[in-house]
């Protein structure tokens, strides 16, 4: 039987990517009590990094938004792997967004909205969350965006 969130993903035309394996000495997620802490996710699909570079230096805000959205999809894939079913998500608690950019770039919130909007599209009101969006001179593997998250799940 298809769950409510799976049906919502299908309605939105979204197919979650396969979870990406860690690229260093960490685990993709940690479940502690009713919280799932998901390590930073990059814009990768099927092993291919789709958005590299820096905002304000060849990467547009729209590209950054799409990169953040893909990071959000990867977050959801990791949560699904951690707890087995996205219907167990009770609340998206917090997202953290990192944007590789030039020092003058200041539209970090617009970029990370790609992940935030996805959470609201998928989960509705329970997808509304606390968040930060900051700039960085570089990110792992040369990606343009990285997003991590904390999710509350039903026991």
N, C-alpha and C. Protein backbone atom coordinates (compact mmCIF):
# COMPACT_ATOMS: atom_id res chain seq x y z
N UNK A 1 0.84 -1.18 0.00
CA UNK A 1 0.00 0.00 0.00
C UNK A 1 0.89 1.25 0.00
N UNK A 2 0.54 2.22 -0.78
CA UNK A 2 1.29 3.46 -0.88
C UNK A 2 0.90 4.39 0.26
N UNK A 3 1.92 4.97 0.91
CA UNK A 3 1.68 5.90 2.00
C UNK A 3 1.27 7.26 1.49
N UNK A 4 0.82 8.09 2.41
CA UNK A 4 0.38 9.44 2.08
C UNK A 4 1.51 10.25 1.43
N UNK A 5 2.70 10.19 1.99
CA UNK A 5 3.81 10.99 1.44
C UNK A 5 4.24 10.43 0.08
N UNK A 6 4.27 9.12 -0.07
CA UNK A 6 4.58 8.54 -1.38
C UNK A 6 3.58 9.01 -2.43
N UNK A 7 2.31 9.07 -2.05
CA UNK A 7 1.28 9.55 -2.98
C UNK A 7 1.51 11.02 -3.31
N UNK A 8 1.88 11.80 -2.30
CA UNK A 8 2.15 13.22 -2.53
C UNK A 8 3.34 13.40 -3.46
N UNK A 9 4.40 12.62 -3.26
CA UNK A 9 5.57 12.69 -4.15
C UNK A 9 5.16 12.36 -5.58
N UNK A 10 4.35 11.32 -5.75
CA UNK A 10 3.89 10.95 -7.09
C UNK A 10 3.06 12.06 -7.72
N UNK A 11 2.19 12.67 -6.91
CA UNK A 11 1.36 13.78 -7.38
C UNK A 11 2.22 14.94 -7.87
N UNK A 12 3.35 15.16 -7.18
CA UNK A 12 4.27 16.24 -7.55
C UNK A 12 5.23 15.83 -8.68
N UNK A 13 5.16 14.58 -9.10
CA UNK A 13 6.06 14.09 -10.15
C UNK A 13 7.48 13.89 -9.66
N UNK A 14 7.64 13.60 -8.37
CA UNK A 14 8.96 13.47 -7.77
C UNK A 14 9.28 12.00 -7.55
N UNK A 15 10.45 11.60 -8.02
CA UNK A 15 11.01 10.29 -7.71
C UNK A 15 12.26 10.54 -6.89
N UNK A 16 12.28 10.03 -5.66
CA UNK A 16 13.45 10.25 -4.83
C UNK A 16 14.65 9.52 -5.40
N UNK A 17 15.81 10.17 -5.36
CA UNK A 17 17.02 9.51 -5.83
C UNK A 17 17.46 8.43 -4.85
N UNK A 18 18.33 7.56 -5.30
CA UNK A 18 18.96 6.59 -4.41
C UNK A 18 19.83 7.37 -3.44
N UNK A 19 19.86 6.96 -2.19
CA UNK A 19 20.66 7.65 -1.19
C UNK A 19 22.14 7.61 -1.57
N UNK A 20 22.78 8.75 -1.41
CA UNK A 20 24.21 8.84 -1.69
C UNK A 20 25.01 8.30 -0.51
N UNK A 21 26.07 7.61 -0.81
CA UNK A 21 26.97 7.11 0.23
C UNK A 21 27.84 8.26 0.73
N UNK A 22 28.27 8.20 1.98
CA UNK A 22 29.17 9.24 2.51
C UNK A 22 30.47 9.29 1.71
N UNK A 23 31.06 10.48 1.62
CA UNK A 23 32.32 10.64 0.90
C UNK A 23 33.51 10.79 1.85
N UNK A 24 33.27 10.65 3.16
CA UNK A 24 34.33 10.77 4.15
C UNK A 24 33.94 9.95 5.38
N UNK A 25 34.56 10.26 6.52
CA UNK A 25 34.39 9.47 7.75
C UNK A 25 33.18 9.95 8.56
N UNK A 26 31.99 9.67 8.08
CA UNK A 26 30.75 10.01 8.78
C UNK A 26 29.65 9.07 8.31
N UNK A 27 28.52 9.10 8.99
CA UNK A 27 27.37 8.30 8.57
C UNK A 27 26.34 9.24 7.95
N UNK A 28 25.49 8.73 7.07
CA UNK A 28 24.51 9.60 6.40
C UNK A 28 23.48 10.21 7.34
N UNK A 29 23.13 9.46 8.39
CA UNK A 29 22.15 9.98 9.34
C UNK A 29 22.33 9.29 10.69
N UNK A 30 21.82 9.97 11.71
CA UNK A 30 21.81 9.42 13.06
C UNK A 30 20.40 9.62 13.61
N UNK A 31 19.83 8.54 14.13
CA UNK A 31 18.53 8.62 14.80
C UNK A 31 18.81 8.66 16.29
N UNK A 32 18.30 9.70 16.95
CA UNK A 32 18.43 9.84 18.39
C UNK A 32 17.06 10.18 18.95
N UNK A 33 16.48 9.24 19.67
CA UNK A 33 15.12 9.44 20.15
C UNK A 33 14.18 9.55 18.96
N UNK A 34 13.42 10.65 18.92
CA UNK A 34 12.48 10.88 17.82
C UNK A 34 13.04 11.82 16.76
N UNK A 35 14.35 12.07 16.81
CA UNK A 35 14.96 12.97 15.83
C UNK A 35 15.89 12.22 14.90
N UNK A 36 15.85 12.62 13.63
CA UNK A 36 16.79 12.11 12.64
C UNK A 36 17.65 13.29 12.19
N UNK A 37 18.95 13.17 12.43
CA UNK A 37 19.92 14.18 12.01
C UNK A 37 20.55 13.68 10.73
N UNK A 38 20.34 14.41 9.64
CA UNK A 38 20.86 13.98 8.34
C UNK A 38 22.08 14.82 8.00
N UNK A 39 23.17 14.13 7.68
CA UNK A 39 24.40 14.81 7.28
C UNK A 39 24.16 15.66 6.03
N UNK A 40 25.04 16.61 5.82
CA UNK A 40 24.92 17.48 4.66
C UNK A 40 24.81 16.71 3.36
N UNK A 41 23.84 17.07 2.56
CA UNK A 41 23.61 16.44 1.27
C UNK A 41 23.98 17.41 0.16
N UNK A 42 24.59 16.88 -0.86
CA UNK A 42 25.03 17.70 -1.99
C UNK A 42 24.14 17.41 -3.20
N UNK A 43 24.22 18.23 -4.23
CA UNK A 43 23.37 18.03 -5.41
C UNK A 43 23.90 16.91 -6.31
N UNK A 44 23.63 15.69 -5.89
CA UNK A 44 24.11 14.51 -6.62
C UNK A 44 22.93 13.61 -6.94
N UNK A 45 22.96 13.04 -8.11
CA UNK A 45 21.93 12.08 -8.53
C UNK A 45 22.61 10.99 -9.34
N UNK A 46 22.37 9.75 -8.93
CA UNK A 46 22.95 8.59 -9.62
C UNK A 46 24.47 8.70 -9.74
N UNK A 47 25.10 9.23 -8.71
CA UNK A 47 26.56 9.35 -8.70
C UNK A 47 27.12 10.55 -9.43
N UNK A 48 26.27 11.33 -10.07
CA UNK A 48 26.72 12.50 -10.82
C UNK A 48 26.43 13.78 -10.06
N UNK A 49 27.45 14.61 -9.88
CA UNK A 49 27.26 15.93 -9.26
C UNK A 49 26.72 16.85 -10.35
N UNK A 50 25.57 17.47 -10.07
CA UNK A 50 24.90 18.25 -11.11
C UNK A 50 25.16 19.75 -11.04
N UNK A 51 25.57 20.26 -9.91
CA UNK A 51 25.79 21.70 -9.79
C UNK A 51 27.11 21.96 -9.09
N UNK A 52 28.08 22.43 -9.86
CA UNK A 52 29.39 22.78 -9.30
C UNK A 52 29.63 24.26 -9.53
N UNK A 53 30.51 24.83 -8.73
CA UNK A 53 30.88 26.23 -8.91
C UNK A 53 30.39 27.10 -7.78
N UNK A 54 30.45 28.40 -8.02
CA UNK A 54 30.08 29.37 -6.98
C UNK A 54 29.02 30.33 -7.50
N UNK A 55 28.08 30.63 -6.62
CA UNK A 55 27.07 31.63 -6.94
C UNK A 55 27.76 32.98 -7.07
N UNK A 56 27.36 33.71 -8.08
CA UNK A 56 27.97 35.00 -8.36
C UNK A 56 29.20 34.88 -9.25
N UNK A 57 29.57 33.66 -9.62
CA UNK A 57 30.72 33.43 -10.49
C UNK A 57 30.38 32.30 -11.46
N UNK A 58 29.32 32.53 -12.24
CA UNK A 58 28.93 31.56 -13.25
C UNK A 58 27.75 30.67 -12.86
N UNK A 59 27.40 30.60 -11.58
CA UNK A 59 26.24 29.83 -11.14
C UNK A 59 25.15 30.83 -10.77
N UNK A 60 23.98 30.69 -11.38
CA UNK A 60 22.89 31.64 -11.15
C UNK A 60 22.10 31.29 -9.89
N UNK A 61 21.30 32.22 -9.42
CA UNK A 61 20.41 31.97 -8.28
C UNK A 61 19.46 30.83 -8.62
N UNK A 62 18.93 30.78 -9.83
CA UNK A 62 18.03 29.69 -10.23
C UNK A 62 18.76 28.35 -10.20
N UNK A 63 20.00 28.31 -10.70
CA UNK A 63 20.80 27.08 -10.61
C UNK A 63 20.97 26.67 -9.15
N UNK A 64 21.28 27.64 -8.30
CA UNK A 64 21.46 27.37 -6.87
C UNK A 64 20.18 26.84 -6.24
N UNK A 65 19.05 27.43 -6.62
CA UNK A 65 17.75 26.98 -6.12
C UNK A 65 17.52 25.51 -6.49
N UNK A 66 17.79 25.17 -7.75
CA UNK A 66 17.61 23.79 -8.20
C UNK A 66 18.59 22.85 -7.51
N UNK A 67 19.81 23.32 -7.26
CA UNK A 67 20.79 22.52 -6.52
C UNK A 67 20.30 22.25 -5.11
N UNK A 68 19.76 23.28 -4.46
CA UNK A 68 19.23 23.12 -3.10
C UNK A 68 18.03 22.17 -3.08
N UNK A 69 17.21 22.24 -4.10
CA UNK A 69 16.07 21.33 -4.21
C UNK A 69 16.56 19.88 -4.31
N UNK A 70 17.57 19.65 -5.11
CA UNK A 70 18.13 18.30 -5.24
C UNK A 70 18.74 17.86 -3.91
N UNK A 71 19.40 18.76 -3.21
CA UNK A 71 19.90 18.44 -1.87
C UNK A 71 18.74 18.02 -0.97
N UNK A 72 17.62 18.73 -1.08
CA UNK A 72 16.44 18.39 -0.30
C UNK A 72 15.90 17.01 -0.64
N UNK A 73 15.90 16.67 -1.91
CA UNK A 73 15.47 15.32 -2.31
C UNK A 73 16.38 14.27 -1.70
N UNK A 74 17.68 14.56 -1.68
CA UNK A 74 18.63 13.64 -1.09
C UNK A 74 18.44 13.54 0.42
N UNK A 75 18.07 14.64 1.06
CA UNK A 75 17.73 14.58 2.49
C UNK A 75 16.57 13.62 2.72
N UNK A 76 15.53 13.75 1.92
CA UNK A 76 14.36 12.88 2.06
C UNK A 76 14.72 11.41 1.83
N UNK A 77 15.58 11.15 0.87
CA UNK A 77 16.02 9.78 0.62
C UNK A 77 16.75 9.22 1.84
N UNK A 78 17.56 10.04 2.48
CA UNK A 78 18.29 9.59 3.67
C UNK A 78 17.33 9.34 4.83
N UNK A 79 16.34 10.21 5.01
CA UNK A 79 15.36 10.02 6.07
C UNK A 79 14.59 8.72 5.82
N UNK A 80 14.17 8.50 4.60
CA UNK A 80 13.45 7.26 4.25
C UNK A 80 14.31 6.04 4.60
N UNK A 81 15.58 6.09 4.26
CA UNK A 81 16.47 4.97 4.58
C UNK A 81 16.62 4.79 6.09
N UNK A 82 16.64 5.89 6.83
CA UNK A 82 16.85 5.83 8.28
C UNK A 82 15.65 5.27 9.03
N UNK A 83 14.44 5.63 8.58
CA UNK A 83 13.25 5.24 9.35
C UNK A 83 12.27 4.36 8.56
N UNK A 84 12.55 4.12 7.29
CA UNK A 84 11.75 3.18 6.51
C UNK A 84 10.55 3.73 5.78
N UNK A 85 10.04 4.88 6.22
CA UNK A 85 8.79 5.38 5.64
C UNK A 85 8.67 6.88 5.92
N UNK A 86 8.52 7.68 4.90
CA UNK A 86 8.41 9.13 5.10
C UNK A 86 7.11 9.53 5.79
N UNK A 87 6.14 8.63 5.85
CA UNK A 87 4.93 8.93 6.61
C UNK A 87 5.21 9.03 8.11
N UNK A 88 6.36 8.58 8.55
CA UNK A 88 6.73 8.69 9.95
C UNK A 88 7.24 10.09 10.30
N UNK A 89 7.50 10.93 9.29
CA UNK A 89 7.97 12.29 9.57
C UNK A 89 6.83 13.09 10.18
N UNK A 90 7.08 13.57 11.39
CA UNK A 90 6.09 14.37 12.10
C UNK A 90 6.33 15.85 11.87
N UNK A 91 7.61 16.21 11.66
CA UNK A 91 7.97 17.62 11.48
C UNK A 91 9.34 17.73 10.86
N UNK A 92 9.49 18.65 9.90
CA UNK A 92 10.82 19.07 9.47
C UNK A 92 11.21 20.14 10.48
N UNK A 93 12.23 19.87 11.27
CA UNK A 93 12.60 20.75 12.38
C UNK A 93 13.50 21.88 11.91
N UNK A 94 14.58 21.53 11.20
CA UNK A 94 15.55 22.55 10.82
C UNK A 94 16.34 22.11 9.60
N UNK A 95 16.61 23.06 8.71
CA UNK A 95 17.53 22.86 7.60
C UNK A 95 18.69 23.83 7.75
N UNK A 96 19.84 23.37 7.35
CA UNK A 96 21.02 24.24 7.32
C UNK A 96 21.54 24.29 5.90
N UNK A 97 21.68 25.48 5.35
CA UNK A 97 22.08 25.63 3.96
C UNK A 97 23.41 26.34 3.81
N UNK A 98 24.29 25.74 3.04
CA UNK A 98 25.59 26.31 2.72
C UNK A 98 25.64 26.60 1.22
N UNK A 99 26.06 27.80 0.88
CA UNK A 99 26.11 28.23 -0.51
C UNK A 99 27.54 28.63 -0.84
N UNK A 100 28.15 27.95 -1.79
CA UNK A 100 29.47 28.35 -2.27
C UNK A 100 29.27 29.60 -3.11
N UNK A 101 29.98 30.67 -2.75
CA UNK A 101 29.71 31.94 -3.44
C UNK A 101 30.89 32.89 -3.33
N UNK A 102 30.82 33.91 -4.15
CA UNK A 102 31.79 35.01 -4.07
C UNK A 102 31.43 35.86 -2.85
N UNK A 103 32.39 36.61 -2.31
CA UNK A 103 32.11 37.40 -1.09
C UNK A 103 30.95 38.38 -1.23
N UNK A 104 30.72 38.90 -2.42
CA UNK A 104 29.68 39.91 -2.63
C UNK A 104 28.28 39.32 -2.74
N UNK A 105 28.17 38.01 -2.87
CA UNK A 105 26.87 37.37 -3.05
C UNK A 105 26.05 37.50 -1.77
N UNK A 106 24.76 37.84 -1.91
CA UNK A 106 23.93 38.03 -0.71
C UNK A 106 22.53 37.40 -0.82
N UNK A 107 22.30 36.58 -1.82
CA UNK A 107 20.98 35.96 -2.00
C UNK A 107 20.93 34.52 -1.48
N UNK A 108 21.68 34.23 -0.43
CA UNK A 108 21.69 32.88 0.15
C UNK A 108 20.29 32.36 0.44
N UNK A 109 19.41 33.19 1.06
CA UNK A 109 18.06 32.68 1.35
C UNK A 109 17.29 32.24 0.11
N UNK A 110 17.44 32.98 -0.99
CA UNK A 110 16.74 32.61 -2.22
C UNK A 110 17.22 31.25 -2.74
N UNK A 111 18.50 30.97 -2.58
CA UNK A 111 19.05 29.69 -3.02
C UNK A 111 18.50 28.56 -2.17
N UNK A 112 18.61 28.68 -0.86
CA UNK A 112 18.20 27.60 0.04
C UNK A 112 16.69 27.42 0.06
N UNK A 113 15.94 28.39 -0.45
CA UNK A 113 14.50 28.20 -0.62
C UNK A 113 14.20 26.97 -1.48
N UNK A 114 15.14 26.56 -2.32
CA UNK A 114 14.92 25.35 -3.13
C UNK A 114 14.64 24.14 -2.26
N UNK A 115 15.37 23.99 -1.17
CA UNK A 115 15.14 22.89 -0.23
C UNK A 115 13.92 23.17 0.64
N UNK A 116 13.79 24.41 1.11
CA UNK A 116 12.67 24.76 1.98
C UNK A 116 11.33 24.60 1.27
N UNK A 117 11.24 25.12 0.06
CA UNK A 117 9.98 25.00 -0.70
C UNK A 117 9.62 23.53 -0.93
N UNK A 118 10.64 22.69 -1.19
CA UNK A 118 10.38 21.27 -1.38
C UNK A 118 9.75 20.65 -0.14
N UNK A 119 10.29 20.97 1.04
CA UNK A 119 9.75 20.39 2.28
C UNK A 119 8.30 20.79 2.49
N UNK A 120 7.98 22.03 2.18
CA UNK A 120 6.60 22.50 2.32
C UNK A 120 5.70 21.86 1.27
N UNK A 121 6.19 21.72 0.04
CA UNK A 121 5.42 21.05 -1.01
C UNK A 121 5.08 19.62 -0.63
N UNK A 122 6.06 18.92 -0.04
CA UNK A 122 5.88 17.50 0.28
C UNK A 122 5.07 17.30 1.55
N UNK A 123 5.40 18.04 2.61
CA UNK A 123 4.81 17.79 3.92
C UNK A 123 3.74 18.79 4.34
N UNK A 124 3.51 19.83 3.57
CA UNK A 124 2.55 20.85 3.97
C UNK A 124 3.05 21.62 5.17
N UNK A 125 2.17 21.95 6.10
CA UNK A 125 2.54 22.75 7.27
C UNK A 125 3.63 22.10 8.12
N UNK A 126 3.65 20.77 8.19
CA UNK A 126 4.68 20.10 8.98
C UNK A 126 6.06 20.20 8.32
N UNK A 127 6.08 20.70 7.09
CA UNK A 127 7.35 20.92 6.40
C UNK A 127 7.98 22.27 6.71
N UNK A 128 7.23 23.16 7.39
CA UNK A 128 7.79 24.47 7.76
C UNK A 128 8.80 24.27 8.87
N UNK A 129 9.93 24.96 8.79
CA UNK A 129 11.06 24.63 9.63
C UNK A 129 11.90 25.87 9.97
N UNK A 130 12.73 25.73 10.98
CA UNK A 130 13.76 26.72 11.24
C UNK A 130 14.89 26.48 10.23
N UNK A 131 15.73 27.51 10.02
CA UNK A 131 16.73 27.36 8.97
C UNK A 131 17.84 28.37 9.11
N UNK A 132 18.98 28.02 8.55
CA UNK A 132 20.01 29.02 8.30
C UNK A 132 20.50 28.86 6.87
N UNK A 133 21.01 29.95 6.31
CA UNK A 133 21.57 29.95 4.96
C UNK A 133 22.80 30.85 5.00
N UNK A 134 23.96 30.26 4.77
CA UNK A 134 25.21 31.01 4.85
C UNK A 134 26.06 30.77 3.61
N UNK A 135 26.96 31.69 3.37
CA UNK A 135 27.89 31.56 2.27
C UNK A 135 29.20 30.96 2.72
N UNK A 136 29.89 30.33 1.77
CA UNK A 136 31.19 29.73 2.02
C UNK A 136 32.06 29.91 0.78
N UNK A 137 33.36 30.03 0.97
CA UNK A 137 34.23 30.19 -0.21
C UNK A 137 34.31 28.93 -1.06
N UNK A 138 34.11 27.75 -0.45
CA UNK A 138 34.09 26.50 -1.20
C UNK A 138 33.34 25.46 -0.39
N UNK A 139 32.89 24.42 -1.09
CA UNK A 139 32.19 23.31 -0.47
C UNK A 139 32.79 22.00 -0.99
N UNK A 140 32.53 20.88 -0.31
CA UNK A 140 33.12 19.61 -0.74
C UNK A 140 32.84 19.28 -2.20
N UNK A 141 33.85 18.73 -2.85
CA UNK A 141 33.76 18.28 -4.25
C UNK A 141 33.42 19.39 -5.22
N UNK A 142 33.57 20.64 -4.78
CA UNK A 142 33.30 21.77 -5.66
C UNK A 142 31.84 22.08 -5.89
N UNK A 143 30.94 21.50 -5.06
CA UNK A 143 29.51 21.72 -5.26
C UNK A 143 29.12 23.16 -4.94
N UNK A 144 28.01 23.58 -5.49
CA UNK A 144 27.51 24.94 -5.29
C UNK A 144 26.71 25.08 -4.00
N UNK A 145 26.09 23.98 -3.54
CA UNK A 145 25.18 24.03 -2.39
C UNK A 145 25.29 22.72 -1.60
N UNK A 146 25.12 22.84 -0.29
CA UNK A 146 25.00 21.68 0.59
C UNK A 146 23.94 21.99 1.63
N UNK A 147 23.09 21.00 1.93
CA UNK A 147 22.01 21.21 2.90
C UNK A 147 21.96 20.02 3.85
N UNK A 148 21.87 20.32 5.16
CA UNK A 148 21.65 19.26 6.14
C UNK A 148 20.29 19.47 6.78
N UNK A 149 19.84 18.50 7.59
CA UNK A 149 18.52 18.66 8.18
C UNK A 149 18.30 17.84 9.43
N UNK A 150 17.31 18.28 10.19
CA UNK A 150 16.84 17.58 11.38
C UNK A 150 15.34 17.36 11.21
N UNK A 151 14.91 16.11 11.41
CA UNK A 151 13.53 15.72 11.21
C UNK A 151 13.02 15.03 12.47
N UNK A 152 11.81 15.35 12.90
CA UNK A 152 11.17 14.65 14.00
C UNK A 152 10.30 13.56 13.40
N UNK A 153 10.40 12.36 13.97
CA UNK A 153 9.64 11.22 13.46
C UNK A 153 8.81 10.60 14.57
N UNK A 154 7.75 9.94 14.17
CA UNK A 154 6.93 9.17 15.11
C UNK A 154 7.70 7.94 15.55
N UNK A 155 7.53 7.56 16.80
CA UNK A 155 8.22 6.36 17.32
C UNK A 155 7.70 5.11 16.65
